[in-house]
């Protein structure tokens, strides 16, 4: 499999680093979206030539893979391992620092036990979403916190919603998926893959729906449905608009409760 994650990185001949490229790519994507990202425009923003840029990355897809994995680095986990009843090292964030890891190369950071050490603080609230699912050894607490933070990171970078159809094989995404698998396994799920699949697809689906809806602009669906209440009485009564955060949390609660009952 030939991807940016599987290739050994070349030693740079100049001061331009992969870490700088990724940071600038994320900034460009935040400002202008995926459609405006080209290798030439990225090179211009880095004040370098395309040839120099190609020394580090082969294609635009490489850049997008790296940028998307950088978004996952914002999903901090350092306070979730204890709630999950896992060793501290399970979070992969024993000593936080910045950096980008590709293949076997480490750029501007360190690797501890094969796990990426890094991650920007996501959103602000350190314990957001932790207590709501329960405390102590309740597996729902760290899972709820992880899913909330994952969603928040993706929503801070709306362009990421258009890239969620690609394999999430970067070290930051894999570390968080590994943590989810470990948490679910420790909670007694014999097949954590199925539970993790349900959770991750719920997060990604909710993000894609919210980003798409918000980009479509304001539309009075309520008036449309009320005018057709004879055909759609339930929709006319309850509507399609909602508080995105509250709806996500309520739906996540349904999902976690169903998983808990199934496990029992």
C-alpha atoms as a PDB file:
ATOM      1  CA  UNK A   1       0.000   0.000   0.000  1.00  0.00           C
ATOM      2  CA  UNK A   2       1.653   3.210  -1.185  1.00  0.00           C
ATOM      3  CA  UNK A   3       0.403   6.102   0.950  1.00  0.00           C
ATOM      4  CA  UNK A   4       1.994   9.048   2.694  1.00  0.00           C
ATOM      5  CA  UNK A   5       1.832   7.033   5.922  1.00  0.00           C
ATOM      6  CA  UNK A   6       3.777   4.044   4.567  1.00  0.00           C
ATOM      7  CA  UNK A   7       6.688   5.860   2.940  1.00  0.00           C
ATOM      8  CA  UNK A   8       9.948   6.609   4.708  1.00  0.00           C
ATOM      9  CA  UNK A   9      10.462  10.344   4.775  1.00  0.00           C
ATOM     10  CA  UNK A  10      13.427  11.911   3.032  1.00  0.00           C
ATOM     11  CA  UNK A  11      15.819  14.073   4.963  1.00  0.00           C
ATOM     12  CA  UNK A  12      15.076  17.711   4.145  1.00  0.00           C
ATOM     13  CA  UNK A  13      17.663  19.716   2.221  1.00  0.00           C
ATOM     14  CA  UNK A  14      16.306  23.046   3.421  1.00  0.00           C
ATOM     15  CA  UNK A  15      14.566  24.679   6.363  1.00  0.00           C
ATOM     16  CA  UNK A  16      11.082  23.829   5.116  1.00  0.00           C
ATOM     17  CA  UNK A  17       9.679  21.068   7.317  1.00  0.00           C
ATOM     18  CA  UNK A  18       6.718  18.769   7.000  1.00  0.00           C
ATOM     19  CA  UNK A  19       5.321  20.284  10.174  1.00  0.00           C
ATOM     20  CA  UNK A  20       5.279  23.748   8.551  1.00  0.00           C
ATOM     21  CA  UNK A  21       3.659  22.379   5.416  1.00  0.00           C
ATOM     22  CA  UNK A  22       0.870  20.728   7.396  1.00  0.00           C
ATOM     23  CA  UNK A  23       0.244  23.823   9.518  1.00  0.00           C
ATOM     24  CA  UNK A  24       0.012  26.047   6.445  1.00  0.00           C
ATOM     25  CA  UNK A  25      -2.197  23.555   4.630  1.00  0.00           C
ATOM     26  CA  UNK A  26      -4.635  23.490   7.562  1.00  0.00           C
ATOM     27  CA  UNK A  27      -4.665  27.295   7.639  1.00  0.00           C
ATOM     28  CA  UNK A  28      -5.358  27.479   3.906  1.00  0.00           C
ATOM     29  CA  UNK A  29      -8.126  24.893   4.162  1.00  0.00           C
ATOM     30  CA  UNK A  30      -9.696  26.727   7.112  1.00  0.00           C
ATOM     31  CA  UNK A  31      -9.719  29.972   5.154  1.00  0.00           C
ATOM     32  CA  UNK A  32     -10.707  28.780   1.696  1.00  0.00           C
ATOM     33  CA  UNK A  33     -11.756  25.126   1.683  1.00  0.00           C
ATOM     34  CA  UNK A  34     -10.604  22.030  -0.166  1.00  0.00           C
ATOM     35  CA  UNK A  35     -11.425  23.387  -3.622  1.00  0.00           C
ATOM     36  CA  UNK A  36      -8.826  26.143  -3.337  1.00  0.00           C
ATOM     37  CA  UNK A  37      -5.960  23.948  -2.179  1.00  0.00           C
ATOM     38  CA  UNK A  38      -3.351  23.370  -4.880  1.00  0.00           C
ATOM     39  CA  UNK A  39       0.299  22.505  -4.561  1.00  0.00           C
ATOM     40  CA  UNK A  40       1.227  25.791  -6.246  1.00  0.00           C
ATOM     41  CA  UNK A  41      -0.873  27.916  -3.882  1.00  0.00           C
ATOM     42  CA  UNK A  42       0.467  26.043  -0.870  1.00  0.00           C
ATOM     43  CA  UNK A  43       4.041  26.568  -2.077  1.00  0.00           C
ATOM     44  CA  UNK A  44       3.356  30.290  -2.509  1.00  0.00           C
ATOM     45  CA  UNK A  45       2.031  30.577   1.039  1.00  0.00           C
ATOM     46  CA  UNK A  46       5.174  28.830   2.273  1.00  0.00           C
ATOM     47  CA  UNK A  47       7.288  31.199   0.188  1.00  0.00           C
ATOM     48  CA  UNK A  48       8.974  28.336  -1.593  1.00  0.00           C
ATOM     49  CA  UNK A  49       8.831  26.586  -4.948  1.00  0.00           C
ATOM     50  CA  UNK A  50       6.694  23.619  -5.894  1.00  0.00           C
ATOM     51  CA  UNK A  51       9.839  21.542  -6.399  1.00  0.00           C
ATOM     52  CA  UNK A  52      10.802  22.073  -2.775  1.00  0.00           C
ATOM     53  CA  UNK A  53       7.297  21.171  -1.655  1.00  0.00           C
ATOM     54  CA  UNK A  54       7.376  17.938  -3.658  1.00  0.00           C
ATOM     55  CA  UNK A  55      10.485  16.915  -1.753  1.00  0.00           C
ATOM     56  CA  UNK A  56       8.208  16.350   1.260  1.00  0.00           C
ATOM     57  CA  UNK A  57       4.868  15.327  -0.261  1.00  0.00           C
ATOM     58  CA  UNK A  58       4.107  13.712  -3.606  1.00  0.00           C
ATOM     59  CA  UNK A  59       0.522  14.774  -4.229  1.00  0.00           C
ATOM     60  CA  UNK A  60      -2.331  16.979  -3.087  1.00  0.00           C
ATOM     61  CA  UNK A  61      -3.907  13.852  -1.580  1.00  0.00           C
ATOM     62  CA  UNK A  62      -0.845  13.492   0.634  1.00  0.00           C
ATOM     63  CA  UNK A  63      -1.410  17.033   1.886  1.00  0.00           C
ATOM     64  CA  UNK A  64      -5.102  16.387   2.548  1.00  0.00           C
ATOM     65  CA  UNK A  65      -4.325  13.167   4.447  1.00  0.00           C
ATOM     66  CA  UNK A  66      -1.790  14.990   6.604  1.00  0.00           C
ATOM     67  CA  UNK A  67      -4.112  17.944   7.233  1.00  0.00           C
ATOM     68  CA  UNK A  68      -7.009  15.698   8.217  1.00  0.00           C
ATOM     69  CA  UNK A  69      -4.827  13.759  10.637  1.00  0.00           C
ATOM     70  CA  UNK A  70      -3.687  17.059  12.134  1.00  0.00           C
ATOM     71  CA  UNK A  71      -7.336  17.775  12.967  1.00  0.00           C
ATOM     72  CA  UNK A  72      -7.486  14.497  14.898  1.00  0.00           C
ATOM     73  CA  UNK A  73      -4.450  15.601  16.899  1.00  0.00           C
ATOM     74  CA  UNK A  74      -6.680  18.252  18.479  1.00  0.00           C
ATOM     75  CA  UNK A  75      -8.802  15.536  20.095  1.00  0.00           C
ATOM     76  CA  UNK A  76      -7.069  15.338  23.447  1.00  0.00           C
ATOM     77  CA  UNK A  77      -7.273  12.148  25.482  1.00  0.00           C
ATOM     78  CA  UNK A  78      -4.884  12.663  28.397  1.00  0.00           C
ATOM     79  CA  UNK A  79      -7.681  12.879  30.966  1.00  0.00           C
ATOM     80  CA  UNK A  80      -9.754  10.004  29.567  1.00  0.00           C
ATOM     81  CA  UNK A  81      -7.566   6.969  30.318  1.00  0.00           C
ATOM     82  CA  UNK A  82      -8.213   7.052  34.070  1.00  0.00           C
ATOM     83  CA  UNK A  83     -11.960   7.289  33.516  1.00  0.00           C
ATOM     84  CA  UNK A  84     -11.751   4.306  31.191  1.00  0.00           C
ATOM     85  CA  UNK A  85      -9.824   2.283  33.767  1.00  0.00           C
ATOM     86  CA  UNK A  86      -6.844   2.040  31.405  1.00  0.00           C
ATOM     87  CA  UNK A  87      -3.140   2.695  32.069  1.00  0.00           C
ATOM     88  CA  UNK A  88      -2.098   6.311  31.585  1.00  0.00           C
ATOM     89  CA  UNK A  89      -0.061   5.397  28.525  1.00  0.00           C
ATOM     90  CA  UNK A  90      -3.243   4.235  26.790  1.00  0.00           C
ATOM     91  CA  UNK A  91      -4.006   7.825  25.893  1.00  0.00           C
ATOM     92  CA  UNK A  92      -0.734   8.130  23.990  1.00  0.00           C
ATOM     93  CA  UNK A  93      -0.331  11.636  25.416  1.00  0.00           C
ATOM     94  CA  UNK A  94       1.891  11.238  28.430  1.00  0.00           C
ATOM     95  CA  UNK A  95       3.819  14.393  27.600  1.00  0.00           C
ATOM     96  CA  UNK A  96       2.071  16.780  25.285  1.00  0.00           C
ATOM     97  CA  UNK A  97       3.970  18.535  22.519  1.00  0.00           C
ATOM     98  CA  UNK A  98       3.396  19.431  18.926  1.00  0.00           C
ATOM     99  CA  UNK A  99       4.583  17.528  15.918  1.00  0.00           C
ATOM    100  CA  UNK A 100       3.727  15.426  12.897  1.00  0.00           C
ATOM    101  CA  UNK A 101       4.511  11.751  12.515  1.00  0.00           C
ATOM    102  CA  UNK A 102       4.582  10.109   9.089  1.00  0.00           C
ATOM    103  CA  UNK A 103       5.659   6.530   8.467  1.00  0.00           C
ATOM    104  CA  UNK A 104       8.676   5.955  10.669  1.00  0.00           C
ATOM    105  CA  UNK A 105       9.754   9.586  10.614  1.00  0.00           C
ATOM    106  CA  UNK A 106       9.104  12.053  13.405  1.00  0.00           C
ATOM    107  CA  UNK A 107       8.990  15.735  12.607  1.00  0.00           C
ATOM    108  CA  UNK A 108       9.333  18.203  15.471  1.00  0.00           C
ATOM    109  CA  UNK A 109       8.240  15.798  18.173  1.00  0.00           C
ATOM    110  CA  UNK A 110       8.978  12.555  19.958  1.00  0.00           C
ATOM    111  CA  UNK A 111       7.508   9.108  19.872  1.00  0.00           C
ATOM    112  CA  UNK A 112       6.922   7.197  23.091  1.00  0.00           C
ATOM    113  CA  UNK A 113       6.244   3.501  22.836  1.00  0.00           C
ATOM    114  CA  UNK A 114       5.309   3.829  19.198  1.00  0.00           C
ATOM    115  CA  UNK A 115       2.474   6.268  19.947  1.00  0.00           C
ATOM    116  CA  UNK A 116       2.294   9.866  18.845  1.00  0.00           C
ATOM    117  CA  UNK A 117       2.891  12.268  21.703  1.00  0.00           C
ATOM    118  CA  UNK A 118       1.054  15.449  20.914  1.00  0.00           C
ATOM    119  CA  UNK A 119      -2.259  17.170  20.638  1.00  0.00           C
ATOM    120  CA  UNK A 120      -3.596  20.664  20.852  1.00  0.00           C
ATOM    121  CA  UNK A 121      -6.174  21.358  23.525  1.00  0.00           C
ATOM    122  CA  UNK A 122      -9.556  20.965  21.878  1.00  0.00           C
ATOM    123  CA  UNK A 123     -12.134  23.628  22.288  1.00  0.00           C
ATOM    124  CA  UNK A 124     -11.361  24.708  25.814  1.00  0.00           C
ATOM    125  CA  UNK A 125     -13.258  22.803  28.482  1.00  0.00           C
ATOM    126  CA  UNK A 126     -10.901  20.195  29.843  1.00  0.00           C
ATOM    127  CA  UNK A 127     -13.526  17.854  31.207  1.00  0.00           C
ATOM    128  CA  UNK A 128     -16.281  18.567  28.697  1.00  0.00           C
ATOM    129  CA  UNK A 129     -18.549  15.597  28.314  1.00  0.00           C
ATOM    130  CA  UNK A 130     -16.796  13.446  30.875  1.00  0.00           C
ATOM    131  CA  UNK A 131     -19.175  13.450  33.795  1.00  0.00           C
ATOM    132  CA  UNK A 132     -22.368  13.256  31.761  1.00  0.00           C
ATOM    133  CA  UNK A 133     -21.923   9.599  30.943  1.00  0.00           C
ATOM    134  CA  UNK A 134     -21.101   8.594  34.490  1.00  0.00           C
ATOM    135  CA  UNK A 135     -17.958   8.595  36.597  1.00  0.00           C
ATOM    136  CA  UNK A 136     -15.609   6.130  38.181  1.00  0.00           C
ATOM    137  CA  UNK A 137     -15.242   3.083  35.986  1.00  0.00           C
ATOM    138  CA  UNK A 138     -18.193   3.831  33.725  1.00  0.00           C
ATOM    139  CA  UNK A 139     -16.932   3.223  30.173  1.00  0.00           C
ATOM    140  CA  UNK A 140     -19.587   5.569  28.806  1.00  0.00           C
ATOM    141  CA  UNK A 141     -17.874   8.596  30.361  1.00  0.00           C
ATOM    142  CA  UNK A 142     -14.601   8.452  28.374  1.00  0.00           C
ATOM    143  CA  UNK A 143     -16.398   7.290  25.228  1.00  0.00           C
ATOM    144  CA  UNK A 144     -18.848  10.193  25.447  1.00  0.00           C
ATOM    145  CA  UNK A 145     -15.966  12.611  26.032  1.00  0.00           C
ATOM    146  CA  UNK A 146     -13.972  11.238  23.108  1.00  0.00           C
ATOM    147  CA  UNK A 147     -16.928  11.398  20.709  1.00  0.00           C
ATOM    148  CA  UNK A 148     -17.786  14.979  21.752  1.00  0.00           C
ATOM    149  CA  UNK A 149     -14.219  16.126  21.266  1.00  0.00           C
ATOM    150  CA  UNK A 150     -13.911  14.313  17.945  1.00  0.00           C
ATOM    151  CA  UNK A 151     -17.037  16.056  16.678  1.00  0.00           C
ATOM    152  CA  UNK A 152     -15.882  19.444  18.004  1.00  0.00           C
ATOM    153  CA  UNK A 153     -12.506  19.138  16.256  1.00  0.00           C
ATOM    154  CA  UNK A 154     -14.119  18.277  12.922  1.00  0.00           C
ATOM    155  CA  UNK A 155     -16.586  21.167  13.219  1.00  0.00           C
ATOM    156  CA  UNK A 156     -13.760  23.626  13.915  1.00  0.00           C
ATOM    157  CA  UNK A 157     -12.467  22.652  10.467  1.00  0.00           C
ATOM    158  CA  UNK A 158     -15.634  22.228   8.331  1.00  0.00           C
ATOM    159  CA  UNK A 159     -13.614  21.219   5.255  1.00  0.00           C
ATOM    160  CA  UNK A 160     -12.723  17.996   7.082  1.00  0.00           C
ATOM    161  CA  UNK A 161     -16.310  16.783   6.599  1.00  0.00           C
ATOM    162  CA  UNK A 162     -15.646  16.471   2.856  1.00  0.00           C
ATOM    163  CA  UNK A 163     -12.657  14.193   3.477  1.00  0.00           C
ATOM    164  CA  UNK A 164     -14.211  11.647   5.829  1.00  0.00           C
ATOM    165  CA  UNK A 165     -14.733   9.195   2.979  1.00  0.00           C
ATOM    166  CA  UNK A 166     -11.009   8.426   2.885  1.00  0.00           C
ATOM    167  CA  UNK A 167      -9.303   5.839   5.144  1.00  0.00           C
ATOM    168  CA  UNK A 168      -8.291   7.409   8.455  1.00  0.00           C
ATOM    169  CA  UNK A 169      -4.861   5.783   8.632  1.00  0.00           C
ATOM    170  CA  UNK A 170      -2.795   8.618  10.089  1.00  0.00           C
ATOM    171  CA  UNK A 171      -1.130   8.098  13.486  1.00  0.00           C
ATOM    172  CA  UNK A 172      -3.344  10.622  15.289  1.00  0.00           C
ATOM    173  CA  UNK A 173      -6.581   9.095  14.012  1.00  0.00           C
ATOM    174  CA  UNK A 174      -5.297   5.571  14.695  1.00  0.00           C
ATOM    175  CA  UNK A 175      -4.198   6.440  18.246  1.00  0.00           C
ATOM    176  CA  UNK A 176      -7.680   7.691  19.082  1.00  0.00           C
ATOM    177  CA  UNK A 177      -9.317   4.713  17.427  1.00  0.00           C
ATOM    178  CA  UNK A 178      -6.981   2.430  19.363  1.00  0.00           C
ATOM    179  CA  UNK A 179      -8.033   4.162  22.589  1.00  0.00           C
ATOM    180  CA  UNK A 180     -11.695   3.633  21.690  1.00  0.00           C
ATOM    181  CA  UNK A 181     -11.100  -0.071  20.978  1.00  0.00           C
ATOM    182  CA  UNK A 182      -9.170  -0.490  24.232  1.00  0.00           C
ATOM    183  CA  UNK A 183     -11.898   1.243  26.227  1.00  0.00           C
ATOM    184  CA  UNK A 184     -14.663  -0.854  24.702  1.00  0.00           C
ATOM    185  CA  UNK A 185     -12.680  -4.077  25.157  1.00  0.00           C
ATOM    186  CA  UNK A 186     -12.025  -3.265  28.816  1.00  0.00           C
ATOM    187  CA  UNK A 187     -15.761  -2.566  29.201  1.00  0.00           C
ATOM    188  CA  UNK A 188     -16.557  -6.130  28.113  1.00  0.00           C
ATOM    189  CA  UNK A 189     -17.437  -5.773  24.442  1.00  0.00           C
ATOM    190  CA  UNK A 190     -16.305  -9.009  22.816  1.00  0.00           C
ATOM    191  CA  UNK A 191     -16.300  -7.388  19.359  1.00  0.00           C
ATOM    192  CA  UNK A 192     -15.285  -3.740  19.917  1.00  0.00           C
ATOM    193  CA  UNK A 193     -15.108  -3.128  16.169  1.00  0.00           C
ATOM    194  CA  UNK A 194     -18.890  -3.154  15.795  1.00  0.00           C
ATOM    195  CA  UNK A 195     -19.437  -0.755  18.699  1.00  0.00           C
ATOM    196  CA  UNK A 196     -16.615   1.548  17.545  1.00  0.00           C
ATOM    197  CA  UNK A 197     -17.978   1.506  13.995  1.00  0.00           C
ATOM    198  CA  UNK A 198     -21.401   2.590  15.228  1.00  0.00           C
ATOM    199  CA  UNK A 199     -19.960   5.424  17.313  1.00  0.00           C
ATOM    200  CA  UNK A 200     -17.558   6.749  14.696  1.00  0.00           C
ATOM    201  CA  UNK A 201     -20.190   6.674  11.977  1.00  0.00           C
ATOM    202  CA  UNK A 202     -22.602   8.530  14.235  1.00  0.00           C
ATOM    203  CA  UNK A 203     -20.020  11.277  14.769  1.00  0.00           C
ATOM    204  CA  UNK A 204     -19.041  11.546  11.112  1.00  0.00           C
ATOM    205  CA  UNK A 205     -22.636  11.432   9.911  1.00  0.00           C
ATOM    206  CA  UNK A 206     -23.703  14.158  12.309  1.00  0.00           C
ATOM    207  CA  UNK A 207     -20.787  16.380  11.277  1.00  0.00           C
ATOM    208  CA  UNK A 208     -21.437  15.912   7.559  1.00  0.00           C
ATOM    209  CA  UNK A 209     -25.149  16.645   8.030  1.00  0.00           C
ATOM    210  CA  UNK A 210     -24.532  19.780  10.103  1.00  0.00           C
ATOM    211  CA  UNK A 211     -21.878  21.204   7.788  1.00  0.00           C
ATOM    212  CA  UNK A 212     -23.990  20.498   4.708  1.00  0.00           C
ATOM    213  CA  UNK A 213     -27.120  22.001   6.288  1.00  0.00           C
ATOM    214  CA  UNK A 214     -25.318  25.143   7.436  1.00  0.00           C
ATOM    215  CA  UNK A 215     -23.717  25.660   4.027  1.00  0.00           C
ATOM    216  CA  UNK A 216     -27.105  25.470   2.333  1.00  0.00           C
ATOM    217  CA  UNK A 217     -28.145  28.711   4.031  1.00  0.00           C
ATOM    218  CA  UNK A 218     -31.300  29.603   5.869  1.00  0.00           C
ATOM    219  CA  UNK A 219     -34.415  27.775   4.742  1.00  0.00           C
ATOM    220  CA  UNK A 220     -37.794  27.831   6.462  1.00  0.00           C
ATOM    221  CA  UNK A 221     -38.518  24.121   6.430  1.00  0.00           C
ATOM    222  CA  UNK A 222     -40.998  24.615   9.265  1.00  0.00           C
ATOM    223  CA  UNK A 223     -43.326  26.731   7.137  1.00  0.00           C
ATOM    224  CA  UNK A 224     -43.026  24.281   4.262  1.00  0.00           C
ATOM    225  CA  UNK A 225     -44.006  21.341   6.464  1.00  0.00           C
ATOM    226  CA  UNK A 226     -46.819  23.170   8.258  1.00  0.00           C
ATOM    227  CA  UNK A 227     -48.382  23.928   4.901  1.00  0.00           C
ATOM    228  CA  UNK A 228     -48.384  20.184   4.237  1.00  0.00           C
ATOM    229  CA  UNK A 229     -49.409  19.029   7.697  1.00  0.00           C
ATOM    230  CA  UNK A 230     -52.103  16.796   6.252  1.00  0.00           C
ATOM    231  CA  UNK A 231     -49.399  14.684   4.565  1.00  0.00           C
ATOM    232  CA  UNK A 232     -46.629  15.033   7.151  1.00  0.00           C
ATOM    233  CA  UNK A 233     -48.334  15.585  10.522  1.00  0.00           C
ATOM    234  CA  UNK A 234     -45.434  14.368  12.691  1.00  0.00           C
ATOM    235  CA  UNK A 235     -42.894  16.481  10.788  1.00  0.00           C
ATOM    236  CA  UNK A 236     -45.201  19.503  10.873  1.00  0.00           C
ATOM    237  CA  UNK A 237     -45.445  19.158  14.657  1.00  0.00           C
ATOM    238  CA  UNK A 238     -41.795  18.538  15.473  1.00  0.00           C
ATOM    239  CA  UNK A 239     -39.979  20.080  12.514  1.00  0.00           C
ATOM    240  CA  UNK A 240     -36.526  19.400  11.094  1.00  0.00           C
ATOM    241  CA  UNK A 241     -34.582  22.273  12.657  1.00  0.00           C
ATOM    242  CA  UNK A 242     -32.920  21.618  15.979  1.00  0.00           C
ATOM    243  CA  UNK A 243     -30.113  22.562  18.319  1.00  0.00           C
ATOM    244  CA  UNK A 244     -27.194  20.649  16.821  1.00  0.00           C
ATOM    245  CA  UNK A 245     -25.298  20.210  20.102  1.00  0.00           C
ATOM    246  CA  UNK A 246     -28.322  19.097  22.111  1.00  0.00           C
ATOM    247  CA  UNK A 247     -29.471  16.732  19.382  1.00  0.00           C
ATOM    248  CA  UNK A 248     -26.017  15.190  19.088  1.00  0.00           C
ATOM    249  CA  UNK A 249     -25.763  14.632  22.846  1.00  0.00           C
ATOM    250  CA  UNK A 250     -29.237  13.136  23.089  1.00  0.00           C
ATOM    251  CA  UNK A 251     -28.607  10.812  20.161  1.00  0.00           C
ATOM    252  CA  UNK A 252     -25.246   9.786  21.582  1.00  0.00           C
ATOM    253  CA  UNK A 253     -26.992   8.983  24.851  1.00  0.00           C
ATOM    254  CA  UNK A 254     -29.466   6.728  23.026  1.00  0.00           C
ATOM    255  CA  UNK A 255     -26.592   4.962  21.300  1.00  0.00           C
ATOM    256  CA  UNK A 256     -24.561   4.436  24.462  1.00  0.00           C
ATOM    257  CA  UNK A 257     -27.610   3.231  26.400  1.00  0.00           C
ATOM    258  CA  UNK A 258     -28.426   0.739  23.687  1.00  0.00           C
ATOM    259  CA  UNK A 259     -24.834  -0.483  23.659  1.00  0.00           C
ATOM    260  CA  UNK A 260     -24.871  -0.873  27.462  1.00  0.00           C
ATOM    261  CA  UNK A 261     -28.077  -2.932  27.331  1.00  0.00           C
ATOM    262  CA  UNK A 262     -26.728  -5.075  24.498  1.00  0.00           C
ATOM    263  CA  UNK A 263     -23.526  -5.775  26.401  1.00  0.00           C
ATOM    264  CA  UNK A 264     -25.473  -6.743  29.516  1.00  0.00           C
END
